């Protein structure tokens, strides 16, 4: 972003930026902030890239405020561009087989197998721990998710629906979970204890 900032705003020092300059910079990036690789001509930047540039600029200003180099963060009240979500893509049968082959016998096997066959949401999958799995009943209880926000950082929260789901575990998923549990137990035994 430094080269983009300089290219689009000229010699204006960062400490002198106001909200108006940030808004203008965002507009310029959206309109002609990129460069085509072959011709080097200007082209629009993806709104998601502009949002990342804004996040970097805001982080730099927050750091500057802590060091008392700047007194305000002009990015704080500038609304970023709207980013359209990308449509979900379903893996083909061949892709699923290849993913299972690559992760089979690795630390990722249980995670990938569980995600592929039970399809919990991403935050729910990340939040799972052994307390959610009833090995005797072969039931997985999805009761929380991991979320990350600018305001609260990374934290546990309730599921999107606010309801705990009990999911029966197929035998091949149970085997992958059993292998993972055995690997973790071996790691714990091998770890030095104080």
Protein backbone atom coordinates (compact mmCIF):
# COMPACT_ATOMS: atom_id res chain seq x y z
CA UNK A 1 0.00 0.00 0.00
CA UNK A 2 2.89 2.45 0.48
CA UNK A 3 3.61 2.56 -3.26
CA UNK A 4 -0.12 2.79 -4.01
CA UNK A 5 -0.52 5.53 -1.42
CA UNK A 6 2.36 7.51 -2.87
CA UNK A 7 1.28 6.95 -6.46
CA UNK A 8 -2.29 8.14 -5.81
CA UNK A 9 -1.85 10.80 -3.13
CA UNK A 10 1.55 12.18 -4.00
CA UNK A 11 3.85 13.54 -1.30
CA UNK A 12 1.10 14.03 1.35
CA UNK A 13 2.57 12.74 4.63
CA UNK A 14 0.58 10.05 6.40
CA UNK A 15 0.42 12.10 9.61
CA UNK A 16 -1.55 14.77 7.68
CA UNK A 17 -4.22 12.41 6.34
CA UNK A 18 -7.82 13.18 7.18
CA UNK A 19 -10.96 11.18 6.45
CA UNK A 20 -11.40 13.01 3.17
CA UNK A 21 -7.97 11.87 1.93
CA UNK A 22 -8.70 8.26 2.95
CA UNK A 23 -12.06 8.40 1.15
CA UNK A 24 -10.36 9.82 -1.95
CA UNK A 25 -7.65 7.15 -1.77
CA UNK A 26 -10.26 4.38 -1.53
CA UNK A 27 -12.09 5.82 -4.53
CA UNK A 28 -8.92 5.99 -6.60
CA UNK A 29 -7.94 2.43 -5.68
CA UNK A 30 -11.38 1.18 -6.69
CA UNK A 31 -11.24 3.10 -9.96
CA UNK A 32 -7.62 2.71 -11.07
CA UNK A 33 -5.52 1.38 -8.20
CA UNK A 34 -4.25 -1.70 -9.95
CA UNK A 35 -1.94 -2.33 -12.87
CA UNK A 36 -2.31 -4.89 -15.64
CA UNK A 37 0.67 -7.21 -15.66
CA UNK A 38 1.45 -7.21 -19.37
CA UNK A 39 0.65 -3.61 -20.32
CA UNK A 40 1.23 -1.86 -16.96
CA UNK A 41 -1.89 0.23 -17.56
CA UNK A 42 -4.09 1.21 -14.65
CA UNK A 43 -7.15 -0.87 -13.82
CA UNK A 44 -9.62 -1.13 -10.91
CA UNK A 45 -8.66 -3.03 -7.78
CA UNK A 46 -10.94 -5.69 -6.37
CA UNK A 47 -13.01 -4.28 -3.45
CA UNK A 48 -11.67 -7.05 -1.23
CA UNK A 49 -8.09 -5.93 -1.96
CA UNK A 50 -9.05 -2.34 -1.15
CA UNK A 51 -10.55 -3.48 2.16
CA UNK A 52 -7.26 -5.26 2.97
CA UNK A 53 -5.32 -2.08 2.13
CA UNK A 54 -7.64 -0.11 4.41
CA UNK A 55 -7.17 -2.63 7.23
CA UNK A 56 -3.39 -2.34 6.89
CA UNK A 57 -3.59 1.48 6.91
CA UNK A 58 -5.85 1.44 9.96
CA UNK A 59 -3.52 -0.94 11.80
CA UNK A 60 -0.58 1.34 11.06
CA UNK A 61 -2.47 4.35 12.44
CA UNK A 62 -3.51 2.44 15.57
CA UNK A 63 0.15 1.59 16.13
CA UNK A 64 1.09 5.21 15.50
CA UNK A 65 -1.46 6.35 18.09
CA UNK A 66 0.02 3.99 20.69
CA UNK A 67 3.45 5.47 20.01
CA UNK A 68 1.94 8.99 20.04
CA UNK A 69 3.21 9.68 16.52
CA UNK A 70 -0.29 10.50 15.28
CA UNK A 71 -3.30 11.72 17.24
CA UNK A 72 -6.15 10.22 15.25
CA UNK A 73 -6.87 7.35 12.90
CA UNK A 74 -8.53 8.71 9.74
CA UNK A 75 -9.50 5.16 8.71
CA UNK A 76 -11.76 4.70 11.76
CA UNK A 77 -14.87 6.29 10.29
CA UNK A 78 -14.33 5.59 6.60
CA UNK A 79 -16.69 2.97 5.25
CA UNK A 80 -14.93 0.44 3.08
CA UNK A 81 -16.27 -0.81 -0.24
CA UNK A 82 -18.95 -3.47 -0.26
CA UNK A 83 -17.45 -6.89 -0.91
CA UNK A 84 -19.60 -9.46 -2.62
CA UNK A 85 -19.36 -12.95 -1.23
CA UNK A 86 -18.09 -15.65 -3.50
CA UNK A 87 -20.49 -18.49 -4.19
CA UNK A 88 -19.77 -21.76 -2.44
CA UNK A 89 -18.22 -24.41 -4.61
CA UNK A 90 -18.91 -28.07 -3.99
CA UNK A 91 -15.98 -30.46 -4.32
CA UNK A 92 -16.28 -33.10 -7.01
CA UNK A 93 -16.14 -36.79 -6.04
CA UNK A 94 -12.62 -36.95 -7.50
CA UNK A 95 -11.50 -33.92 -5.42
CA UNK A 96 -12.93 -35.51 -2.27
CA UNK A 97 -11.07 -38.76 -2.96
CA UNK A 98 -7.81 -36.90 -3.62
CA UNK A 99 -8.20 -34.83 -0.44
CA UNK A 100 -8.83 -37.95 1.61
CA UNK A 101 -5.83 -39.69 0.05
CA UNK A 102 -3.51 -36.75 0.78
CA UNK A 103 -4.67 -36.34 4.39
CA UNK A 104 -5.03 -40.06 5.20
CA UNK A 105 -2.71 -41.10 8.01
CA UNK A 106 -1.79 -37.46 8.80
CA UNK A 107 -2.83 -35.15 11.62
CA UNK A 108 -5.39 -33.63 9.25
CA UNK A 109 -7.24 -36.87 8.53
CA UNK A 110 -9.84 -36.59 11.33
CA UNK A 111 -10.47 -32.90 10.71
CA UNK A 112 -10.90 -33.32 6.94
CA UNK A 113 -12.96 -36.51 7.26
CA UNK A 114 -15.26 -34.87 9.78
CA UNK A 115 -15.63 -31.72 7.68
CA UNK A 116 -16.31 -33.66 4.47
CA UNK A 117 -18.83 -36.11 5.88
CA UNK A 118 -20.63 -34.16 8.61
CA UNK A 119 -20.40 -30.68 7.02
CA UNK A 120 -20.61 -28.46 10.09
CA UNK A 121 -20.00 -24.77 9.47
CA UNK A 122 -16.35 -23.68 9.42
CA UNK A 123 -16.48 -21.91 12.81
CA UNK A 124 -18.28 -24.90 14.33
CA UNK A 125 -15.65 -27.31 13.01
CA UNK A 126 -12.82 -25.22 14.46
CA UNK A 127 -14.58 -25.03 17.85
CA UNK A 128 -14.89 -28.82 18.23
CA UNK A 129 -13.01 -30.54 21.02
CA UNK A 130 -13.21 -33.97 22.64
CA UNK A 131 -15.98 -32.87 25.04
CA UNK A 132 -18.30 -32.57 22.00
CA UNK A 133 -17.81 -36.23 21.06
CA UNK A 134 -19.63 -39.05 22.85
CA UNK A 135 -17.51 -41.99 21.78
CA UNK A 136 -19.81 -44.65 23.27
CA UNK A 137 -22.97 -43.29 21.61
CA UNK A 138 -21.04 -42.23 18.47
CA UNK A 139 -22.68 -38.77 18.60
CA UNK A 140 -21.06 -35.40 17.97
CA UNK A 141 -22.70 -32.41 19.70
CA UNK A 142 -22.17 -29.14 17.86
CA UNK A 143 -22.94 -26.49 20.46
CA UNK A 144 -20.65 -23.56 19.73
CA UNK A 145 -18.51 -21.89 17.07
CA UNK A 146 -15.35 -19.83 16.87
CA UNK A 147 -15.77 -16.32 15.53
CA UNK A 148 -13.29 -13.55 14.89
CA UNK A 149 -14.32 -9.90 14.89
CA UNK A 150 -12.34 -6.69 14.96
CA UNK A 151 -14.04 -5.64 18.18
CA UNK A 152 -13.79 -8.89 20.17
CA UNK A 153 -10.94 -10.78 18.49
CA UNK A 154 -11.20 -14.59 18.46
CA UNK A 155 -13.89 -15.96 20.77
CA UNK A 156 -16.33 -18.80 21.25
CA UNK A 157 -19.98 -18.06 20.54
CA UNK A 158 -23.19 -20.00 20.16
CA UNK A 159 -23.98 -21.65 16.86
CA UNK A 160 -25.57 -19.60 14.10
CA UNK A 161 -29.02 -21.02 14.91
CA UNK A 162 -28.44 -20.95 18.67
CA UNK A 163 -29.33 -24.65 18.83
CA UNK A 164 -27.10 -27.60 19.73
CA UNK A 165 -27.11 -30.23 17.00
CA UNK A 166 -26.46 -33.90 17.74
CA UNK A 167 -24.95 -35.62 14.71
CA UNK A 168 -24.61 -39.42 14.47
CA UNK A 169 -21.06 -40.39 13.50
CA UNK A 170 -20.55 -42.87 10.62
CA UNK A 171 -18.10 -45.72 11.34
CA UNK A 172 -15.30 -44.41 9.06
CA UNK A 173 -15.45 -40.96 10.74
CA UNK A 174 -15.37 -42.64 14.19
CA UNK A 175 -12.23 -44.57 13.12
CA UNK A 176 -10.52 -41.34 11.99
CA UNK A 177 -11.42 -39.69 15.32
CA UNK A 178 -10.10 -42.73 17.25
CA UNK A 179 -6.77 -42.50 15.36
CA UNK A 180 -6.56 -38.77 16.15
CA UNK A 181 -7.28 -39.37 19.83
CA UNK A 182 -4.54 -42.05 19.95
CA UNK A 183 -2.05 -39.66 18.27
CA UNK A 184 -2.84 -36.94 20.80
CA UNK A 185 -2.49 -39.38 23.73
CA UNK A 186 0.92 -40.50 22.40
CA UNK A 187 2.00 -36.87 22.06
CA UNK A 188 0.95 -36.18 25.64
CA UNK A 189 2.96 -39.15 26.92
CA UNK A 190 6.03 -38.11 24.93
CA UNK A 191 5.90 -34.48 26.06
CA UNK A 192 8.27 -33.48 28.87
CA UNK A 193 6.45 -32.85 32.17
CA UNK A 194 7.57 -30.31 34.74
